[in-house]
């Protein structure tokens, strides 16, 4: 798979302890994105942050949090991003979802090497 040019980047800001049907929300979102054939998704675990409730979540040893910030980033063409927005609206009951325009410079999936 290969694509370049205009695309959209969705960022989903949630908490590490957020759940969806008894599973981590970030895992459920990534699995749903894969089922819908999006180009890819990355889950990033934050070391500190706060959201709408202004409560600081941190990984500092003196104030260890069980609910660190998590960001899921998804980049794909606009049409595919538009198709997942209702799903995200349903799944993300607390958090933040943003969309921005991006230019994909390189996205290449290489074929596995054949061993002689």
C-alpha atoms as a PDB file:
ATOM      1  CA  UNK A   1       0.000   0.000   0.000  1.00  0.00           C
ATOM      2  CA  UNK A   2       1.228   3.446  -0.886  1.00  0.00           C
ATOM      3  CA  UNK A   3      -0.298   6.911  -0.745  1.00  0.00           C
ATOM      4  CA  UNK A   4       0.804  10.534  -0.603  1.00  0.00           C
ATOM      5  CA  UNK A   5      -0.918  13.895  -0.691  1.00  0.00           C
ATOM      6  CA  UNK A   6      -3.765  15.529   1.212  1.00  0.00           C
ATOM      7  CA  UNK A   7      -5.157  13.562   4.148  1.00  0.00           C
ATOM      8  CA  UNK A   8      -6.736  14.031   7.562  1.00  0.00           C
ATOM      9  CA  UNK A   9      -5.284  13.320  10.999  1.00  0.00           C
ATOM     10  CA  UNK A  10      -7.667  12.443  13.810  1.00  0.00           C
ATOM     11  CA  UNK A  11      -6.426  12.663  17.380  1.00  0.00           C
ATOM     12  CA  UNK A  12      -8.468  11.035  20.109  1.00  0.00           C
ATOM     13  CA  UNK A  13      -7.595  12.098  23.655  1.00  0.00           C
ATOM     14  CA  UNK A  14      -8.862   9.701  26.332  1.00  0.00           C
ATOM     15  CA  UNK A  15      -7.781   8.204  29.643  1.00  0.00           C
ATOM     16  CA  UNK A  16      -5.881   4.956  29.964  1.00  0.00           C
ATOM     17  CA  UNK A  17      -8.548   3.520  32.271  1.00  0.00           C
ATOM     18  CA  UNK A  18     -11.484   4.316  29.925  1.00  0.00           C
ATOM     19  CA  UNK A  19     -13.391   1.164  29.011  1.00  0.00           C
ATOM     20  CA  UNK A  20     -15.576  -0.077  26.149  1.00  0.00           C
ATOM     21  CA  UNK A  21     -17.567  -3.233  26.897  1.00  0.00           C
ATOM     22  CA  UNK A  22     -15.079  -4.362  29.556  1.00  0.00           C
ATOM     23  CA  UNK A  23     -11.939  -3.715  27.478  1.00  0.00           C
ATOM     24  CA  UNK A  24      -9.582  -0.740  27.266  1.00  0.00           C
ATOM     25  CA  UNK A  25     -11.197   1.893  25.047  1.00  0.00           C
ATOM     26  CA  UNK A  26      -7.973   2.522  23.124  1.00  0.00           C
ATOM     27  CA  UNK A  27      -7.768  -1.176  22.201  1.00  0.00           C
ATOM     28  CA  UNK A  28     -11.405  -1.271  21.098  1.00  0.00           C
ATOM     29  CA  UNK A  29     -10.951   1.850  18.948  1.00  0.00           C
ATOM     30  CA  UNK A  30      -7.807   0.518  17.236  1.00  0.00           C
ATOM     31  CA  UNK A  31      -9.510  -2.794  16.494  1.00  0.00           C
ATOM     32  CA  UNK A  32     -12.552  -1.033  15.009  1.00  0.00           C
ATOM     33  CA  UNK A  33     -10.313   1.203  12.882  1.00  0.00           C
ATOM     34  CA  UNK A  34      -8.501  -1.871  11.547  1.00  0.00           C
ATOM     35  CA  UNK A  35     -11.832  -3.571  10.763  1.00  0.00           C
ATOM     36  CA  UNK A  36     -12.797  -0.495   8.745  1.00  0.00           C
ATOM     37  CA  UNK A  37      -9.514  -0.697   6.766  1.00  0.00           C
ATOM     38  CA  UNK A  38      -8.013   2.620   7.823  1.00  0.00           C
ATOM     39  CA  UNK A  39      -4.373   3.111   6.856  1.00  0.00           C
ATOM     40  CA  UNK A  40      -3.145   2.813  10.443  1.00  0.00           C
ATOM     41  CA  UNK A  41      -3.425   4.001  14.012  1.00  0.00           C
ATOM     42  CA  UNK A  42      -0.945   4.677  16.805  1.00  0.00           C
ATOM     43  CA  UNK A  43      -1.636   4.782  20.530  1.00  0.00           C
ATOM     44  CA  UNK A  44       0.579   7.134  22.538  1.00  0.00           C
ATOM     45  CA  UNK A  45       0.690   7.002  26.329  1.00  0.00           C
ATOM     46  CA  UNK A  46       1.250  10.346  27.982  1.00  0.00           C
ATOM     47  CA  UNK A  47       3.317  10.920  31.088  1.00  0.00           C
ATOM     48  CA  UNK A  48       1.228  13.817  32.331  1.00  0.00           C
ATOM     49  CA  UNK A  49      -1.810  15.848  31.409  1.00  0.00           C
ATOM     50  CA  UNK A  50      -5.254  17.103  32.328  1.00  0.00           C
ATOM     51  CA  UNK A  51      -8.564  17.479  30.588  1.00  0.00           C
ATOM     52  CA  UNK A  52     -11.953  19.078  31.064  1.00  0.00           C
ATOM     53  CA  UNK A  53     -12.102  18.228  34.772  1.00  0.00           C
ATOM     54  CA  UNK A  54      -8.709  19.953  35.386  1.00  0.00           C
ATOM     55  CA  UNK A  55      -7.456  16.979  37.431  1.00  0.00           C
ATOM     56  CA  UNK A  56      -3.771  16.306  36.702  1.00  0.00           C
ATOM     57  CA  UNK A  57      -2.845  12.751  35.748  1.00  0.00           C
ATOM     58  CA  UNK A  58       0.851  11.998  36.045  1.00  0.00           C
ATOM     59  CA  UNK A  59       3.391   9.196  35.979  1.00  0.00           C
ATOM     60  CA  UNK A  60       5.647  10.922  38.500  1.00  0.00           C
ATOM     61  CA  UNK A  61       6.667   8.474  41.210  1.00  0.00           C
ATOM     62  CA  UNK A  62       5.316  10.592  44.086  1.00  0.00           C
ATOM     63  CA  UNK A  63       1.907  10.925  42.472  1.00  0.00           C
ATOM     64  CA  UNK A  64       1.377   7.789  40.432  1.00  0.00           C
ATOM     65  CA  UNK A  65      -1.835   7.854  38.384  1.00  0.00           C
ATOM     66  CA  UNK A  66      -3.811   4.862  37.215  1.00  0.00           C
ATOM     67  CA  UNK A  67      -5.412   6.947  34.483  1.00  0.00           C
ATOM     68  CA  UNK A  68      -2.639   8.409  32.342  1.00  0.00           C
ATOM     69  CA  UNK A  69      -3.505  10.334  29.177  1.00  0.00           C
ATOM     70  CA  UNK A  70      -3.731   8.326  25.966  1.00  0.00           C
ATOM     71  CA  UNK A  71      -3.773   9.749  22.440  1.00  0.00           C
ATOM     72  CA  UNK A  72      -4.782   7.685  19.423  1.00  0.00           C
ATOM     73  CA  UNK A  73      -3.637   9.121  16.091  1.00  0.00           C
ATOM     74  CA  UNK A  74      -5.184   8.058  12.811  1.00  0.00           C
ATOM     75  CA  UNK A  75      -4.160   9.356   9.370  1.00  0.00           C
ATOM     76  CA  UNK A  76      -6.065   8.514   6.209  1.00  0.00           C
ATOM     77  CA  UNK A  77      -7.858  10.139   3.289  1.00  0.00           C
ATOM     78  CA  UNK A  78     -10.778  12.423   4.134  1.00  0.00           C
ATOM     79  CA  UNK A  79     -13.479  10.006   2.928  1.00  0.00           C
ATOM     80  CA  UNK A  80     -12.372   7.223   5.260  1.00  0.00           C
ATOM     81  CA  UNK A  81     -11.973   9.604   8.191  1.00  0.00           C
ATOM     82  CA  UNK A  82     -15.505  10.939   7.659  1.00  0.00           C
ATOM     83  CA  UNK A  83     -16.861   7.376   7.785  1.00  0.00           C
ATOM     84  CA  UNK A  84     -15.406   6.703  11.262  1.00  0.00           C
ATOM     85  CA  UNK A  85     -16.661   9.878  12.970  1.00  0.00           C
ATOM     86  CA  UNK A  86     -20.061   8.405  13.990  1.00  0.00           C
ATOM     87  CA  UNK A  87     -18.249   5.398  15.483  1.00  0.00           C
ATOM     88  CA  UNK A  88     -15.958   7.677  17.496  1.00  0.00           C
ATOM     89  CA  UNK A  89     -18.924   9.753  18.633  1.00  0.00           C
ATOM     90  CA  UNK A  90     -20.492   6.573  20.021  1.00  0.00           C
ATOM     91  CA  UNK A  91     -17.338   5.196  21.648  1.00  0.00           C
ATOM     92  CA  UNK A  92     -15.708   8.324  23.101  1.00  0.00           C
ATOM     93  CA  UNK A  93     -18.107   9.409  25.837  1.00  0.00           C
ATOM     94  CA  UNK A  94     -15.429  11.404  27.707  1.00  0.00           C
ATOM     95  CA  UNK A  95     -12.450  12.930  25.969  1.00  0.00           C
ATOM     96  CA  UNK A  96     -11.567  15.042  22.970  1.00  0.00           C
ATOM     97  CA  UNK A  97     -11.521  14.264  19.246  1.00  0.00           C
ATOM     98  CA  UNK A  98      -9.761  16.630  16.829  1.00  0.00           C
ATOM     99  CA  UNK A  99      -9.265  16.591  13.070  1.00  0.00           C
ATOM    100  CA  UNK A 100      -6.667  18.459  11.080  1.00  0.00           C
ATOM    101  CA  UNK A 101      -5.488  18.573   7.505  1.00  0.00           C
ATOM    102  CA  UNK A 102      -2.131  16.937   6.845  1.00  0.00           C
ATOM    103  CA  UNK A 103       0.032  16.246   3.812  1.00  0.00           C
ATOM    104  CA  UNK A 104       1.291  12.685   3.618  1.00  0.00           C
ATOM    105  CA  UNK A 105       4.839  12.777   2.303  1.00  0.00           C
ATOM    106  CA  UNK A 106       5.534   9.061   2.512  1.00  0.00           C
ATOM    107  CA  UNK A 107       3.410   6.066   3.482  1.00  0.00           C
ATOM    108  CA  UNK A 108       4.758   2.805   2.145  1.00  0.00           C
ATOM    109  CA  UNK A 109       4.177  -0.760   3.226  1.00  0.00           C
ATOM    110  CA  UNK A 110       6.933  -3.025   2.025  1.00  0.00           C
ATOM    111  CA  UNK A 111       6.392  -6.648   1.221  1.00  0.00           C
ATOM    112  CA  UNK A 112       8.042  -9.190   3.516  1.00  0.00           C
ATOM    113  CA  UNK A 113      11.374 -10.392   2.192  1.00  0.00           C
ATOM    114  CA  UNK A 114      11.427 -13.780   0.582  1.00  0.00           C
ATOM    115  CA  UNK A 115      14.077 -16.100   1.971  1.00  0.00           C
ATOM    116  CA  UNK A 116      15.990 -18.151  -0.616  1.00  0.00           C
END
